[in-house]
Structures are given as C-alpha cells and as structure tokens.
Protein backbone atom coordinates (compact mmCIF):
# COMPACT_ATOMS: atom_id res chain seq x y z
CA UNK A 1 78.62 -33.07 63.20
CA UNK A 2 77.50 -33.54 66.65
CA UNK A 3 80.68 -31.71 67.88
CA UNK A 4 79.99 -28.98 65.26
CA UNK A 5 76.44 -28.18 66.38
CA UNK A 6 77.22 -28.60 70.06
CA UNK A 7 80.23 -25.86 69.28
CA UNK A 8 77.77 -23.67 67.73
CA UNK A 9 74.97 -23.84 70.18
CA UNK A 10 77.73 -23.18 73.08
CA UNK A 11 78.82 -19.93 70.84
CA UNK A 12 75.07 -18.80 70.64
CA UNK A 13 74.51 -19.10 74.04
CA UNK A 14 77.43 -17.29 75.12
CA UNK A 15 76.77 -14.50 72.70
CA UNK A 16 73.29 -14.24 74.03
CA UNK A 17 74.56 -14.25 77.54
CA UNK A 18 76.91 -11.45 76.98
CA UNK A 19 76.07 -8.32 78.87
CA UNK A 20 75.17 -6.02 75.84
CA UNK A 21 73.08 -8.76 74.59
CA UNK A 22 70.88 -8.84 77.52
CA UNK A 23 70.16 -5.28 77.17
CA UNK A 24 69.72 -5.52 73.50
CA UNK A 25 67.10 -8.56 74.07
CA UNK A 26 65.33 -6.75 76.98
CA UNK A 27 64.87 -3.64 74.52
CA UNK A 28 63.84 -5.94 71.54
CA UNK A 29 61.19 -7.40 74.19
CA UNK A 30 59.75 -4.38 74.98
CA UNK A 31 59.80 -3.08 71.55
CA UNK A 32 57.95 -6.04 70.59
CA UNK A 33 54.93 -5.71 73.34
CA UNK A 34 54.75 -1.88 72.54
CA UNK A 35 54.01 -2.66 68.80
CA UNK A 36 51.83 -5.58 69.80
CA UNK A 37 49.75 -3.37 72.10
CA UNK A 38 49.66 -0.54 69.51
CA UNK A 39 48.67 -3.25 66.91
CA UNK A 40 45.78 -4.34 69.29
CA UNK A 41 44.14 -0.87 69.27
CA UNK A 42 40.72 -0.37 71.25
CA UNK A 43 39.61 -3.85 71.58
CA UNK A 44 36.25 -2.85 73.12
CA UNK A 45 35.17 -1.20 69.80
CA UNK A 46 35.72 -4.51 68.09
CA UNK A 47 33.64 -6.22 70.66
CA UNK A 48 30.80 -3.65 70.45
CA UNK A 49 30.58 -4.28 66.79
CA UNK A 50 30.67 -7.90 66.95
CA UNK A 51 27.79 -7.55 69.65
CA UNK A 52 25.86 -5.42 67.29
CA UNK A 53 26.02 -7.61 64.17
CA UNK A 54 25.29 -10.86 66.33
CA UNK A 55 22.10 -9.04 67.89
CA UNK A 56 20.97 -8.32 64.27
CA UNK A 57 20.73 -11.81 63.37
CA UNK A 58 18.91 -12.74 66.49
CA UNK A 59 15.43 -11.85 65.41
CA UNK A 60 15.33 -13.68 61.79
CA UNK A 61 17.58 -16.37 63.67
CA UNK A 62 14.68 -16.84 66.24
CA UNK A 63 11.80 -16.79 63.57
CA UNK A 64 13.84 -19.51 61.54
CA UNK A 65 14.12 -21.65 64.21
CA UNK A 66 10.44 -21.17 65.02
CA UNK A 67 9.57 -22.07 61.49
CA UNK A 68 11.84 -25.31 61.33
CA UNK A 69 10.13 -26.43 64.62
CA UNK A 70 6.48 -25.99 63.11
CA UNK A 71 7.66 -27.88 60.38
CA UNK A 72 8.99 -30.80 62.13
CA UNK A 73 5.73 -30.87 64.25
CA UNK A 74 3.49 -30.89 61.43
CA UNK A 75 5.24 -33.67 59.83
CA UNK A 76 5.49 -35.71 63.02
CA UNK A 77 1.59 -35.05 63.43
CA UNK A 78 0.90 -36.54 60.04
CA UNK A 79 3.00 -39.43 60.75
CA UNK A 80 1.21 -40.06 63.85
CA UNK A 81 -2.36 -39.59 62.22
CA UNK A 82 -1.48 -42.09 59.39
CA UNK A 83 -0.37 -44.62 61.73
CA UNK A 84 -3.51 -44.10 63.85
CA UNK A 85 -5.59 -44.34 61.14
CA UNK A 86 -3.82 -47.24 59.84
CA UNK A 87 -4.34 -49.26 62.91
CA UNK A 88 -5.89 -52.59 62.73
CA UNK A 89 -8.39 -53.91 65.15
CA UNK A 90 -7.19 -57.33 66.22
C-alpha cells in the first residue's frame, strides 16, 4: 500500500511539474484571484453601512448603561443605609 501511494504521489508531482501544467496552474491562480477581488466588491460601502448602524445604537446604549448604573447605585445606597441604621453601639 505504501509503494502504491508513493507511486501515485510521484505521478501527481510529475504531472504538476510538467511545463504545460505550470502555465495552467498560474492561469488558474490568476483567475481565482480575479474572482475573489470581484466578489469582494466595494468594501468601503460595507464599512460605512456598519458604522452608521453602530452609531445608531450608541445613544440608546449610552442611556441603557446610565440606567443600569443608577439602579446599581440606588441598590448599593439602600444597602449601606440599612447597615448604618442597624449598627449597634457597643
């Protein structure tokens, strides 16, 4: 089995190293690169769209964080006041 796989590997390497295959592989790589660049399109429009979507959430997100901070502050203040009132004098 090892000899068979080694022989097949050598055949594939020899086939790929043939002069006509080098040109074919180079053409395939260039075609693949061209297709990828075409598929990517205009990346800046996507970035600008994402920026506008994120900036639309900024003000409501800021208000939400302030509300959460206010609730945590009030709860903490009530706990501290409760412990201060229940303090025993020795």
